[in-house]
Amino acid sequence: MPARAVDAFVALGANLGDPQAQILAAIEALVLLPETSLARHSSLYRSKPVGYARQPDFINAVAHLRTRLGPRQLLEHCLALEQRHGRRRTYRNAPRTLDLDVLLYNGLIMAEPGLTLPHPRMHERAFVLLPLAEIAPHCPIPGRGTASQALARVDASGLTRLPGAGRDAAVPLANEP
């Protein structure tokens, strides 16, 4: 456990039940983790599924946490939170009530069973990079540049920001200034 709070970023996704409510409830639950505070969270975004396409669209966001939990402890809390929200791991890329991924942890690079930092596919996923770049555009992704630089290398045209984050209606991102 670090002696002082460090920055960690967690991706949130859901596409079963009421995904928007699931994400908002998960953000509230992250605030309650021991020795953890929420620095900021992104807007909510709608995205098409990746991998297994025959399922509902996802709602995604990213939370920036300040935590004294170690990376493994943070992951374990995230997995427990998924289970409390009804997550069942039936097959790869299956629909889910809640998915929480530790993306970045204080610039740490590590690979252990069940935990790789930075998240090994985050640099390929617009539904992770767009919300991350919204709240931390200059955040370094080890080996990939900043969040904004990584976002510039992926196609984010299929994502839509949902209303409620200073916007009156859903706006396709391709139309933003």
C-alpha atoms as a PDB file:
ATOM      1  CA  MET A   1       0.000   0.000   0.000  1.00  0.00           C
ATOM      2  CA  PRO A   2       1.453   3.392  -0.946  1.00  0.00           C
ATOM      3  CA  ALA A   3       2.253   5.808   1.895  1.00  0.00           C
ATOM      4  CA  ARG A   4       0.305   8.569   0.169  1.00  0.00           C
ATOM      5  CA  ALA A   5      -2.518   8.613  -2.357  1.00  0.00           C
ATOM      6  CA  VAL A   6      -1.636   7.938  -5.987  1.00  0.00           C
ATOM      7  CA  ASP A   7      -3.546   8.403  -9.237  1.00  0.00           C
ATOM      8  CA  ALA A   8      -5.452   5.463 -10.677  1.00  0.00           C
ATOM      9  CA  PHE A   9      -7.866   5.353 -13.595  1.00  0.00           C
ATOM     10  CA  VAL A  10     -10.697   2.838 -13.836  1.00  0.00           C
ATOM     11  CA  ALA A  11     -12.822   2.185 -16.937  1.00  0.00           C
ATOM     12  CA  LEU A  12     -16.507   1.464 -16.379  1.00  0.00           C
ATOM     13  CA  GLY A  13     -18.806  -0.284 -18.846  1.00  0.00           C
ATOM     14  CA  ALA A  14     -22.265  -1.879 -18.824  1.00  0.00           C
ATOM     15  CA  ASN A  15     -24.867  -3.020 -21.337  1.00  0.00           C
ATOM     16  CA  LEU A  16     -27.438  -5.053 -19.369  1.00  0.00           C
ATOM     17  CA  GLY A  17     -30.275  -3.890 -17.147  1.00  0.00           C
ATOM     18  CA  ASP A  18     -30.131  -0.103 -16.921  1.00  0.00           C
ATOM     19  CA  PRO A  19     -26.523   0.494 -18.014  1.00  0.00           C
ATOM     20  CA  GLN A  20     -26.545   4.216 -17.357  1.00  0.00           C
ATOM     21  CA  ALA A  21     -27.808   3.701 -13.790  1.00  0.00           C
ATOM     22  CA  GLN A  22     -25.281   0.879 -13.289  1.00  0.00           C
ATOM     23  CA  ILE A  23     -22.376   3.141 -14.270  1.00  0.00           C
ATOM     24  CA  LEU A  24     -23.558   5.991 -12.054  1.00  0.00           C
ATOM     25  CA  ALA A  25     -24.055   3.602  -9.121  1.00  0.00           C
ATOM     26  CA  ALA A  26     -20.590   2.156  -9.684  1.00  0.00           C
ATOM     27  CA  ILE A  27     -19.043   5.637  -9.643  1.00  0.00           C
ATOM     28  CA  GLU A  28     -20.779   6.274  -6.312  1.00  0.00           C
ATOM     29  CA  ALA A  29     -19.495   2.921  -5.025  1.00  0.00           C
ATOM     30  CA  LEU A  30     -15.910   3.709  -6.083  1.00  0.00           C
ATOM     31  CA  VAL A  31     -16.070   6.781  -3.835  1.00  0.00           C
ATOM     32  CA  LEU A  32     -16.763   4.454  -0.897  1.00  0.00           C
ATOM     33  CA  LEU A  33     -13.692   2.264  -1.401  1.00  0.00           C
ATOM     34  CA  PRO A  34     -11.318   2.400   1.568  1.00  0.00           C
ATOM     35  CA  GLU A  35      -8.597   5.043   1.406  1.00  0.00           C
ATOM     36  CA  THR A  36      -9.883   6.192  -1.973  1.00  0.00           C
ATOM     37  CA  SER A  37     -11.436   9.383  -3.271  1.00  0.00           C
ATOM     38  CA  LEU A  38     -12.865  10.318  -6.643  1.00  0.00           C
ATOM     39  CA  ALA A  39     -10.838  13.067  -8.286  1.00  0.00           C
ATOM     40  CA  ARG A  40     -13.058  13.241 -11.366  1.00  0.00           C
ATOM     41  CA  HIS A  41     -15.148  11.145 -13.714  1.00  0.00           C
ATOM     42  CA  SER A  42     -15.902  11.495 -17.388  1.00  0.00           C
ATOM     43  CA  SER A  43     -19.165  11.968 -19.154  1.00  0.00           C
ATOM     44  CA  LEU A  44     -21.057   8.817 -20.097  1.00  0.00           C
ATOM     45  CA  TYR A  45     -20.679   7.545 -23.658  1.00  0.00           C
ATOM     46  CA  ARG A  46     -22.646   5.069 -25.755  1.00  0.00           C
ATOM     47  CA  SER A  47     -20.547   2.658 -27.825  1.00  0.00           C
ATOM     48  CA  LYS A  48     -21.036  -0.372 -30.020  1.00  0.00           C
ATOM     49  CA  PRO A  49     -19.909  -3.721 -28.592  1.00  0.00           C
ATOM     50  CA  VAL A  50     -16.417  -4.987 -29.441  1.00  0.00           C
ATOM     51  CA  GLY A  51     -15.805  -8.651 -30.173  1.00  0.00           C
ATOM     52  CA  TYR A  52     -19.228 -10.240 -29.814  1.00  0.00           C
ATOM     53  CA  ALA A  53     -21.456  -7.793 -31.744  1.00  0.00           C
ATOM     54  CA  ARG A  54     -24.900  -9.381 -31.173  1.00  0.00           C
ATOM     55  CA  GLN A  55     -25.610  -7.604 -27.893  1.00  0.00           C
ATOM     56  CA  PRO A  56     -26.874  -4.192 -26.721  1.00  0.00           C
ATOM     57  CA  ASP A  57     -24.738  -1.068 -26.966  1.00  0.00           C
ATOM     58  CA  PHE A  58     -22.525  -0.249 -23.992  1.00  0.00           C
ATOM     59  CA  ILE A  59     -22.444   2.763 -21.735  1.00  0.00           C
ATOM     60  CA  ASN A  60     -18.853   3.680 -20.817  1.00  0.00           C
ATOM     61  CA  ALA A  61     -17.012   6.129 -18.581  1.00  0.00           C
ATOM     62  CA  VAL A  62     -13.657   6.542 -16.840  1.00  0.00           C
ATOM     63  CA  ALA A  63     -13.078   7.457 -13.203  1.00  0.00           C
ATOM     64  CA  HIS A  64      -9.922   9.138 -11.914  1.00  0.00           C
ATOM     65  CA  LEU A  65      -9.270   7.953  -8.370  1.00  0.00           C
ATOM     66  CA  ARG A  66      -6.797   9.029  -5.720  1.00  0.00           C
ATOM     67  CA  THR A  67      -6.062   5.955  -3.632  1.00  0.00           C
ATOM     68  CA  ARG A  68      -3.756   4.456  -1.065  1.00  0.00           C
ATOM     69  CA  LEU A  69      -4.864   0.960  -2.095  1.00  0.00           C
ATOM     70  CA  GLY A  70      -2.247  -1.047  -3.941  1.00  0.00           C
ATOM     71  CA  PRO A  71      -3.002  -2.024  -7.554  1.00  0.00           C
ATOM     72  CA  ARG A  72      -3.994  -5.605  -6.657  1.00  0.00           C
ATOM     73  CA  GLN A  73      -6.203  -4.360  -3.801  1.00  0.00           C
ATOM     74  CA  LEU A  74      -7.881  -1.884  -6.141  1.00  0.00           C
ATOM     75  CA  LEU A  75      -8.524  -4.640  -8.680  1.00  0.00           C
ATOM     76  CA  GLU A  76      -9.991  -6.918  -5.998  1.00  0.00           C
ATOM     77  CA  HIS A  77     -12.361  -4.164  -4.874  1.00  0.00           C
ATOM     78  CA  CYS A  78     -13.393  -3.591  -8.500  1.00  0.00           C
ATOM     79  CA  LEU A  79     -14.088  -7.313  -9.030  1.00  0.00           C
ATOM     80  CA  ALA A  80     -16.146  -7.441  -5.814  1.00  0.00           C
ATOM     81  CA  LEU A  81     -18.114  -4.408  -6.981  1.00  0.00           C
ATOM     82  CA  GLU A  82     -18.816  -6.113 -10.318  1.00  0.00           C
ATOM     83  CA  GLN A  83     -20.169  -9.153  -8.479  1.00  0.00           C
ATOM     84  CA  ARG A  84     -22.382  -7.004  -6.239  1.00  0.00           C
ATOM     85  CA  HIS A  85     -23.835  -5.526  -9.414  1.00  0.00           C
ATOM     86  CA  GLY A  86     -24.650  -8.968 -10.830  1.00  0.00           C
ATOM     87  CA  ARG A  87     -21.678  -9.503 -13.158  1.00  0.00           C
ATOM     88  CA  ARG A  88     -21.491 -13.043 -14.545  1.00  0.00           C
ATOM     89  CA  ARG A  89     -18.514 -14.081 -16.658  1.00  0.00           C
ATOM     90  CA  THR A  90     -20.161 -16.516 -19.074  1.00  0.00           C
ATOM     91  CA  TYR A  91     -17.886 -16.085 -22.122  1.00  0.00           C
ATOM     92  CA  ARG A  92     -15.373 -13.611 -23.567  1.00  0.00           C
ATOM     93  CA  ASN A  93     -16.916 -10.250 -24.534  1.00  0.00           C
ATOM     94  CA  ALA A  94     -20.298 -11.328 -23.147  1.00  0.00           C
ATOM     95  CA  PRO A  95     -22.942  -8.750 -22.200  1.00  0.00           C
ATOM     96  CA  ARG A  96     -22.494  -7.522 -18.630  1.00  0.00           C
ATOM     97  CA  THR A  97     -24.228  -5.580 -15.904  1.00  0.00           C
ATOM     98  CA  LEU A  98     -20.933  -3.955 -14.950  1.00  0.00           C
ATOM     99  CA  ASP A  99     -17.315  -4.151 -16.075  1.00  0.00           C
ATOM    100  CA  LEU A 100     -14.546  -2.338 -14.187  1.00  0.00           C
ATOM    101  CA  ASP A 101     -10.993  -2.346 -15.520  1.00  0.00           C
ATOM    102  CA  VAL A 102      -7.997  -0.806 -13.798  1.00  0.00           C
ATOM    103  CA  LEU A 103      -6.412   1.070 -16.695  1.00  0.00           C
ATOM    104  CA  LEU A 104      -3.533   2.951 -15.104  1.00  0.00           C
ATOM    105  CA  TYR A 105      -1.999   3.035 -11.656  1.00  0.00           C
ATOM    106  CA  ASN A 106       0.508   5.797 -10.880  1.00  0.00           C
ATOM    107  CA  GLY A 107       2.499   5.142 -14.083  1.00  0.00           C
ATOM    108  CA  LEU A 108       3.204   1.580 -12.983  1.00  0.00           C
ATOM    109  CA  ILE A 109       4.139  -1.026 -15.585  1.00  0.00           C
ATOM    110  CA  MET A 110       3.487  -4.564 -14.390  1.00  0.00           C
ATOM    111  CA  ALA A 111       2.269  -7.960 -15.560  1.00  0.00           C
ATOM    112  CA  GLU A 112       0.977 -10.491 -13.067  1.00  0.00           C
ATOM    113  CA  PRO A 113      -1.664 -13.170 -13.434  1.00  0.00           C
ATOM    114  CA  GLY A 114      -4.973 -11.320 -13.665  1.00  0.00           C
ATOM    115  CA  LEU A 115      -3.482  -7.803 -13.646  1.00  0.00           C
ATOM    116  CA  THR A 116      -1.516  -6.031 -16.361  1.00  0.00           C
ATOM    117  CA  LEU A 117      -0.773  -2.314 -16.165  1.00  0.00           C
ATOM    118  CA  PRO A 118      -1.310  -0.337 -18.178  1.00  0.00           C
ATOM    119  CA  HIS A 119      -4.379  -2.243 -19.336  1.00  0.00           C
ATOM    120  CA  PRO A 120      -3.106  -4.201 -22.356  1.00  0.00           C
ATOM    121  CA  ARG A 121      -5.809  -3.161 -24.849  1.00  0.00           C
ATOM    122  CA  MET A 122      -6.712   0.319 -23.642  1.00  0.00           C
ATOM    123  CA  HIS A 123      -4.703   1.999 -26.424  1.00  0.00           C
ATOM    124  CA  GLU A 124      -6.917   0.254 -29.023  1.00  0.00           C
ATOM    125  CA  ARG A 125     -10.277   1.209 -27.524  1.00  0.00           C
ATOM    126  CA  ALA A 126     -11.923   4.528 -28.282  1.00  0.00           C
ATOM    127  CA  PHE A 127     -14.552   3.808 -25.620  1.00  0.00           C
ATOM    128  CA  VAL A 128     -11.724   3.943 -23.039  1.00  0.00           C
ATOM    129  CA  LEU A 129      -9.522   6.629 -24.577  1.00  0.00           C
ATOM    130  CA  LEU A 130     -12.224   9.216 -25.264  1.00  0.00           C
ATOM    131  CA  PRO A 131     -13.509   9.390 -21.664  1.00  0.00           C
ATOM    132  CA  LEU A 132      -9.928   9.231 -20.356  1.00  0.00           C
ATOM    133  CA  ALA A 133      -8.822  12.079 -22.625  1.00  0.00           C
ATOM    134  CA  GLU A 134     -11.877  14.090 -21.570  1.00  0.00           C
ATOM    135  CA  ILE A 135     -10.771  14.137 -17.921  1.00  0.00           C
ATOM    136  CA  ALA A 136      -6.983  13.713 -18.255  1.00  0.00           C
ATOM    137  CA  PRO A 137      -5.807  14.591 -21.776  1.00  0.00           C
ATOM    138  CA  HIS A 138      -2.149  14.795 -20.737  1.00  0.00           C
ATOM    139  CA  CYS A 139      -2.215  11.598 -18.681  1.00  0.00           C
ATOM    140  CA  PRO A 140       0.723   9.435 -19.777  1.00  0.00           C
ATOM    141  CA  ILE A 141       0.024   5.913 -20.985  1.00  0.00           C
ATOM    142  CA  PRO A 142       3.368   4.129 -20.629  1.00  0.00           C
ATOM    143  CA  GLY A 143       4.728   3.275 -24.067  1.00  0.00           C
ATOM    144  CA  ARG A 144       1.820   5.011 -25.868  1.00  0.00           C
ATOM    145  CA  GLY A 145       2.175   8.742 -25.252  1.00  0.00           C
ATOM    146  CA  THR A 146      -0.598  10.758 -23.637  1.00  0.00           C
ATOM    147  CA  ALA A 147      -4.292   9.904 -23.552  1.00  0.00           C
ATOM    148  CA  SER A 148      -4.955  12.535 -26.240  1.00  0.00           C
ATOM    149  CA  GLN A 149      -2.192  11.182 -28.459  1.00  0.00           C
ATOM    150  CA  ALA A 150      -3.511   7.616 -28.135  1.00  0.00           C
ATOM    151  CA  LEU A 151      -7.050   8.825 -28.853  1.00  0.00           C
ATOM    152  CA  ALA A 152      -5.866  10.480 -32.083  1.00  0.00           C
ATOM    153  CA  ARG A 153      -4.787   7.029 -33.345  1.00  0.00           C
ATOM    154  CA  VAL A 154      -8.217   5.349 -32.993  1.00  0.00           C
ATOM    155  CA  ASP A 155     -11.610   5.853 -34.623  1.00  0.00           C
ATOM    156  CA  ALA A 156     -13.974   7.424 -32.072  1.00  0.00           C
ATOM    157  CA  SER A 157     -16.721   8.259 -34.586  1.00  0.00           C
ATOM    158  CA  GLY A 158     -19.038   5.528 -33.260  1.00  0.00           C
ATOM    159  CA  LEU A 159     -19.190   6.984 -29.741  1.00  0.00           C
ATOM    160  CA  THR A 160     -21.902   9.347 -28.548  1.00  0.00           C
ATOM    161  CA  ARG A 161     -21.681  11.472 -25.419  1.00  0.00           C
ATOM    162  CA  LEU A 162     -24.867  11.096 -23.393  1.00  0.00           C
ATOM    163  CA  PRO A 163     -26.804  14.090 -22.076  1.00  0.00           C
ATOM    164  CA  GLY A 164     -26.242  15.225 -18.532  1.00  0.00           C
ATOM    165  CA  ALA A 165     -22.641  16.384 -18.624  1.00  0.00           C
ATOM    166  CA  GLY A 166     -23.282  19.976 -19.628  1.00  0.00           C
ATOM    167  CA  ARG A 167     -25.101  18.983 -22.803  1.00  0.00           C
ATOM    168  CA  ASP A 168     -28.825  19.105 -23.563  1.00  0.00           C
ATOM    169  CA  ALA A 169     -28.930  16.136 -25.923  1.00  0.00           C
ATOM    170  CA  ALA A 170     -26.803  13.261 -27.140  1.00  0.00           C
ATOM    171  CA  VAL A 171     -24.255  14.616 -29.592  1.00  0.00           C
ATOM    172  CA  PRO A 172     -22.301  12.430 -32.024  1.00  0.00           C
ATOM    173  CA  LEU A 173     -18.665  13.257 -31.398  1.00  0.00           C
ATOM    174  CA  ALA A 174     -17.878  13.570 -35.089  1.00  0.00           C
ATOM    175  CA  ASN A 175     -19.972  16.787 -35.035  1.00  0.00           C
ATOM    176  CA  GLU A 176     -18.146  18.423 -32.129  1.00  0.00           C
ATOM    177  CA  PRO A 177     -15.841  21.373 -32.686  1.00  0.00           C
END
